[in-house]
N, C-alpha and C. Protein backbone atom coordinates (compact mmCIF):
# COMPACT_ATOMS: atom_id res chain seq x y z
N MET A 1 156.26 183.46 105.81
CA MET A 1 157.23 182.65 106.50
C MET A 1 156.73 182.37 107.91
N LYS A 2 156.70 181.10 108.26
CA LYS A 2 156.34 180.71 109.63
C LYS A 2 157.59 180.85 110.49
N VAL A 3 157.47 181.68 111.50
CA VAL A 3 158.65 182.00 112.32
C VAL A 3 159.23 180.77 112.99
N ALA A 4 158.40 179.94 113.57
CA ALA A 4 158.88 178.74 114.31
C ALA A 4 159.64 177.79 113.38
N SER A 5 159.13 177.55 112.18
CA SER A 5 159.82 176.63 111.30
C SER A 5 161.10 177.26 110.77
N PHE A 6 161.10 178.58 110.51
CA PHE A 6 162.32 179.22 110.07
C PHE A 6 163.38 179.16 111.19
N ARG A 7 162.98 179.41 112.41
CA ARG A 7 163.88 179.32 113.56
C ARG A 7 164.51 177.93 113.62
N ALA A 8 163.68 176.91 113.47
CA ALA A 8 164.18 175.53 113.53
C ALA A 8 165.16 175.25 112.42
N ARG A 9 164.91 175.78 111.22
CA ARG A 9 165.83 175.59 110.11
C ARG A 9 167.13 176.33 110.34
N VAL A 10 167.05 177.50 110.90
CA VAL A 10 168.27 178.29 111.21
C VAL A 10 169.15 177.54 112.21
N LEU A 11 168.53 177.04 113.27
CA LEU A 11 169.29 176.34 114.29
C LEU A 11 169.88 175.04 113.72
N ALA A 12 169.16 174.38 112.84
CA ALA A 12 169.68 173.17 112.20
C ALA A 12 170.90 173.50 111.31
N VAL A 13 170.87 174.61 110.58
CA VAL A 13 171.99 175.04 109.77
C VAL A 13 173.19 175.33 110.66
N VAL A 14 172.98 176.10 111.70
CA VAL A 14 174.12 176.50 112.56
C VAL A 14 174.73 175.28 113.22
N ARG A 15 173.96 174.29 113.57
CA ARG A 15 174.52 173.09 114.19
C ARG A 15 175.39 172.29 113.21
N ARG A 16 175.25 172.51 111.91
CA ARG A 16 176.08 171.83 110.91
C ARG A 16 177.38 172.54 110.60
N ILE A 17 177.58 173.74 111.10
CA ILE A 17 178.83 174.47 110.85
C ILE A 17 179.93 173.75 111.62
N PRO A 18 180.95 173.24 110.90
CA PRO A 18 181.99 172.50 111.57
C PRO A 18 182.86 173.36 112.46
N ALA A 19 183.45 172.78 113.47
CA ALA A 19 184.42 173.48 114.34
C ALA A 19 185.54 173.98 113.46
N GLY A 20 185.98 175.21 113.77
CA GLY A 20 187.09 175.83 113.00
C GLY A 20 186.61 176.52 111.74
N ARG A 21 185.33 176.54 111.51
CA ARG A 21 184.75 177.21 110.34
C ARG A 21 183.72 178.22 110.83
N VAL A 22 183.37 179.20 109.98
CA VAL A 22 182.34 180.17 110.32
C VAL A 22 181.42 180.36 109.12
N ALA A 23 180.23 180.87 109.38
CA ALA A 23 179.27 181.23 108.33
C ALA A 23 178.73 182.61 108.71
N THR A 24 178.34 183.36 107.70
CA THR A 24 177.76 184.69 107.97
C THR A 24 176.26 184.54 108.28
N TYR A 25 175.72 185.61 108.84
CA TYR A 25 174.26 185.62 109.08
C TYR A 25 173.51 185.44 107.77
N GLY A 26 174.00 186.04 106.71
CA GLY A 26 173.39 185.90 105.39
C GLY A 26 173.53 184.47 104.87
N ASP A 27 174.66 183.84 105.07
CA ASP A 27 174.82 182.45 104.63
C ASP A 27 173.80 181.56 105.31
N VAL A 28 173.62 181.74 106.60
CA VAL A 28 172.68 180.94 107.34
C VAL A 28 171.26 181.22 106.88
N ALA A 29 170.94 182.49 106.65
CA ALA A 29 169.57 182.81 106.15
C ALA A 29 169.32 182.13 104.83
N GLU A 30 170.31 182.17 103.91
CA GLU A 30 170.12 181.54 102.61
C GLU A 30 169.93 180.04 102.76
N LEU A 31 170.76 179.43 103.55
CA LEU A 31 170.65 177.98 103.72
C LEU A 31 169.37 177.56 104.44
N ALA A 32 168.78 178.47 105.18
CA ALA A 32 167.52 178.17 105.88
C ALA A 32 166.33 178.52 105.01
N GLY A 33 166.59 179.00 103.76
CA GLY A 33 165.53 179.20 102.79
C GLY A 33 165.01 180.61 102.61
N HIS A 34 165.62 181.57 103.31
CA HIS A 34 165.22 182.98 103.20
C HIS A 34 166.47 183.88 103.12
N PRO A 35 167.05 184.01 101.96
CA PRO A 35 168.34 184.69 101.81
C PRO A 35 168.39 186.11 102.33
N ARG A 36 167.29 186.80 102.36
CA ARG A 36 167.30 188.21 102.81
C ARG A 36 166.96 188.35 104.28
N ALA A 37 166.85 187.26 105.00
CA ALA A 37 166.45 187.29 106.40
C ALA A 37 167.64 187.26 107.37
N TRP A 38 168.72 187.88 106.98
CA TRP A 38 169.94 187.84 107.83
C TRP A 38 169.70 188.51 109.17
N ARG A 39 168.87 189.55 109.22
CA ARG A 39 168.57 190.17 110.52
C ARG A 39 167.81 189.25 111.44
N ALA A 40 166.89 188.51 110.84
CA ALA A 40 166.16 187.53 111.62
C ALA A 40 167.09 186.45 112.18
N VAL A 41 168.06 186.04 111.41
CA VAL A 41 169.07 185.11 111.88
C VAL A 41 169.79 185.69 113.09
N GLY A 42 170.14 186.99 112.98
CA GLY A 42 170.83 187.64 114.09
C GLY A 42 169.99 187.64 115.36
N SER A 43 168.72 187.86 115.19
CA SER A 43 167.81 187.84 116.37
C SER A 43 167.70 186.44 116.96
N ILE A 44 167.65 185.44 116.10
CA ILE A 44 167.60 184.05 116.57
C ILE A 44 168.90 183.69 117.31
N MET A 45 170.02 184.13 116.78
CA MET A 45 171.29 183.87 117.43
C MET A 45 171.37 184.61 118.79
N ARG A 46 170.86 185.82 118.81
CA ARG A 46 170.88 186.63 120.03
C ARG A 46 170.09 185.94 121.15
N ASP A 47 168.96 185.31 120.76
CA ASP A 47 168.09 184.73 121.76
C ASP A 47 168.38 183.24 122.05
N CYS A 48 169.28 182.66 121.32
CA CYS A 48 169.58 181.23 121.45
C CYS A 48 170.39 180.98 122.74
N ARG A 49 169.88 180.07 123.54
CA ARG A 49 170.58 179.72 124.76
C ARG A 49 170.94 178.21 124.80
N ASP A 50 170.81 177.56 123.64
CA ASP A 50 171.06 176.15 123.53
C ASP A 50 172.56 175.87 123.40
N PRO A 51 173.16 175.22 124.39
CA PRO A 51 174.62 174.98 124.32
C PRO A 51 174.99 174.05 123.17
N ALA A 52 174.08 173.31 122.60
CA ALA A 52 174.36 172.43 121.48
C ALA A 52 174.42 173.16 120.15
N THR A 53 174.07 174.46 120.17
CA THR A 53 174.08 175.28 118.94
C THR A 53 175.28 176.21 119.01
N PRO A 54 176.25 176.03 118.13
CA PRO A 54 177.48 176.88 118.16
C PRO A 54 177.29 178.26 117.55
N CYS A 55 176.49 179.05 118.24
CA CYS A 55 176.20 180.43 117.75
C CYS A 55 177.44 181.28 117.50
N HIS A 56 178.53 180.97 118.20
CA HIS A 56 179.75 181.74 118.04
C HIS A 56 180.34 181.58 116.66
N ARG A 57 179.92 180.58 115.92
CA ARG A 57 180.43 180.37 114.55
C ARG A 57 179.71 181.18 113.50
N VAL A 58 178.73 181.97 113.89
CA VAL A 58 177.98 182.84 112.96
C VAL A 58 178.54 184.25 113.11
N VAL A 59 179.02 184.82 112.03
CA VAL A 59 179.73 186.10 112.07
C VAL A 59 179.21 187.07 111.02
N GLY A 60 179.71 188.31 111.06
CA GLY A 60 179.32 189.32 110.11
C GLY A 60 179.88 189.05 108.72
N ALA A 61 179.27 189.69 107.74
CA ALA A 61 179.60 189.43 106.34
C ALA A 61 181.05 189.75 105.96
N ALA A 62 181.67 190.65 106.63
CA ALA A 62 183.04 191.04 106.29
C ALA A 62 184.05 190.34 107.19
N GLY A 63 183.61 189.29 107.87
CA GLY A 63 184.52 188.58 108.77
C GLY A 63 184.65 189.23 110.13
N THR A 64 183.72 190.13 110.43
CA THR A 64 183.70 190.73 111.77
C THR A 64 183.00 189.77 112.71
N LEU A 65 183.24 189.91 113.99
CA LEU A 65 182.63 189.03 114.94
C LEU A 65 181.12 189.23 115.05
N GLY A 66 180.65 190.42 114.83
CA GLY A 66 179.22 190.70 114.94
C GLY A 66 178.80 190.63 116.38
N GLY A 67 177.50 190.50 116.58
CA GLY A 67 176.98 190.38 117.96
C GLY A 67 176.98 188.94 118.38
N TRP A 68 176.52 188.72 119.60
CA TRP A 68 176.45 187.34 120.07
C TRP A 68 175.53 187.27 121.26
N SER A 69 174.85 186.13 121.41
CA SER A 69 173.84 185.99 122.50
C SER A 69 174.42 186.19 123.87
N ALA A 70 175.66 185.79 124.07
CA ALA A 70 176.27 185.96 125.40
C ALA A 70 176.66 187.43 125.63
N GLY A 71 176.63 188.25 124.55
CA GLY A 71 176.93 189.65 124.69
C GLY A 71 178.38 189.97 124.96
N ASN A 72 179.26 189.00 124.85
CA ASN A 72 180.65 189.18 125.16
C ASN A 72 181.48 188.78 123.94
N LEU A 73 181.86 189.79 123.15
CA LEU A 73 182.63 189.48 121.94
C LEU A 73 183.98 188.86 122.26
N GLN A 74 184.54 189.20 123.41
CA GLN A 74 185.82 188.62 123.81
C GLN A 74 185.65 187.07 123.96
N LEU A 75 184.57 186.66 124.59
CA LEU A 75 184.31 185.24 124.79
C LEU A 75 184.06 184.58 123.44
N LYS A 76 183.32 185.23 122.53
CA LYS A 76 183.11 184.68 121.19
C LYS A 76 184.46 184.47 120.48
N GLY A 77 185.32 185.45 120.56
CA GLY A 77 186.65 185.35 119.97
C GLY A 77 187.44 184.21 120.58
N GLU A 78 187.36 184.05 121.91
CA GLU A 78 188.08 182.99 122.60
C GLU A 78 187.56 181.61 122.14
N LEU A 79 186.27 181.45 122.03
CA LEU A 79 185.71 180.17 121.57
C LEU A 79 186.17 179.83 120.17
N LEU A 80 186.19 180.87 119.31
CA LEU A 80 186.67 180.64 117.95
C LEU A 80 188.18 180.30 117.93
N ARG A 81 188.95 180.99 118.75
CA ARG A 81 190.39 180.68 118.83
C ARG A 81 190.62 179.25 119.29
N GLU A 82 189.80 178.78 120.24
CA GLU A 82 189.95 177.41 120.74
C GLU A 82 189.73 176.41 119.62
N GLU A 83 189.01 176.81 118.58
CA GLU A 83 188.76 175.93 117.42
C GLU A 83 189.77 176.14 116.32
N GLY A 84 190.78 176.98 116.57
CA GLY A 84 191.85 177.22 115.59
C GLY A 84 191.63 178.39 114.68
N VAL A 85 190.58 179.16 114.90
CA VAL A 85 190.32 180.36 114.09
C VAL A 85 191.21 181.49 114.57
N VAL A 86 191.86 182.17 113.67
CA VAL A 86 192.69 183.33 114.06
C VAL A 86 191.82 184.56 114.11
N VAL A 87 191.69 185.15 115.31
CA VAL A 87 190.80 186.27 115.53
C VAL A 87 191.63 187.44 116.04
N THR A 88 191.51 188.60 115.38
CA THR A 88 192.13 189.82 115.91
C THR A 88 191.10 190.42 116.86
N THR A 89 191.22 191.68 117.15
CA THR A 89 190.31 192.31 118.10
C THR A 89 188.83 192.12 117.74
N ARG A 90 188.46 192.34 116.48
CA ARG A 90 187.08 192.20 116.08
C ARG A 90 186.89 191.53 114.73
N ARG A 91 187.98 190.96 114.17
CA ARG A 91 187.91 190.36 112.82
C ARG A 91 188.52 188.97 112.81
N ILE A 92 188.13 188.22 111.82
CA ILE A 92 188.63 186.89 111.60
C ILE A 92 189.67 186.97 110.48
N ARG A 93 190.87 186.56 110.77
CA ARG A 93 191.93 186.54 109.76
C ARG A 93 191.76 185.31 108.86
N GLY A 94 191.90 185.47 107.59
CA GLY A 94 191.72 184.36 106.67
C GLY A 94 190.24 183.97 106.52
N PHE A 95 189.39 184.93 106.65
CA PHE A 95 187.93 184.72 106.64
C PHE A 95 187.49 183.92 105.42
N ARG A 96 187.95 184.28 104.25
CA ARG A 96 187.53 183.58 103.01
C ARG A 96 187.87 182.10 103.06
N ASP A 97 188.99 181.76 103.69
CA ASP A 97 189.44 180.37 103.71
C ASP A 97 188.65 179.48 104.69
N ILE A 98 188.09 180.08 105.74
CA ILE A 98 187.39 179.28 106.74
C ILE A 98 185.87 179.47 106.66
N ARG A 99 185.42 180.27 105.72
CA ARG A 99 183.99 180.53 105.60
C ARG A 99 183.30 179.23 105.08
N TRP A 100 182.28 178.80 105.81
CA TRP A 100 181.57 177.58 105.47
C TRP A 100 180.27 177.96 104.79
N ARG A 101 180.14 177.46 103.55
CA ARG A 101 178.88 177.75 102.81
C ARG A 101 178.47 176.49 102.06
N ARG A 102 177.60 175.75 102.68
CA ARG A 102 177.03 174.61 101.98
C ARG A 102 176.12 175.17 100.89
N LEU A 103 176.09 174.55 99.78
CA LEU A 103 175.19 174.99 98.72
C LEU A 103 173.75 174.66 99.09
N SER A 104 172.90 175.64 98.94
CA SER A 104 171.49 175.40 99.21
C SER A 104 170.96 174.51 98.09
N ARG A 105 169.80 173.95 98.27
CA ARG A 105 169.21 173.01 97.28
C ARG A 105 169.05 173.66 95.92
N ARG A 106 168.70 174.92 95.92
CA ARG A 106 168.45 175.54 94.61
C ARG A 106 169.75 175.86 93.87
N HIS A 107 170.88 175.80 94.53
CA HIS A 107 172.18 176.05 93.88
C HIS A 107 172.90 174.79 93.52
N ARG A 108 172.35 173.64 93.78
CA ARG A 108 173.01 172.36 93.50
C ARG A 108 172.77 171.97 92.07
């Protein structure tokens, strides 16, 4: 796996997540072509400083907020709330209903 091209695919996937929806690190990894690379997705999100990339929409598999590049989970929760997502202290309420998972090419 070429890291630069994987990073570009991850960022492209994250930019497609609509406002008010979330995707897991694993969802993003799968859509970027490497389903088991969820930790790499986390690292890419942690290091992303591009304001055009809505990193706050990438969350943990169980609907937890997970980590975030800004390092402030409260801010991540606030950004999600501004988009209409119901967030408790560290979880997303109704996670299954707002989870965004575009089918990858091999699942179409």
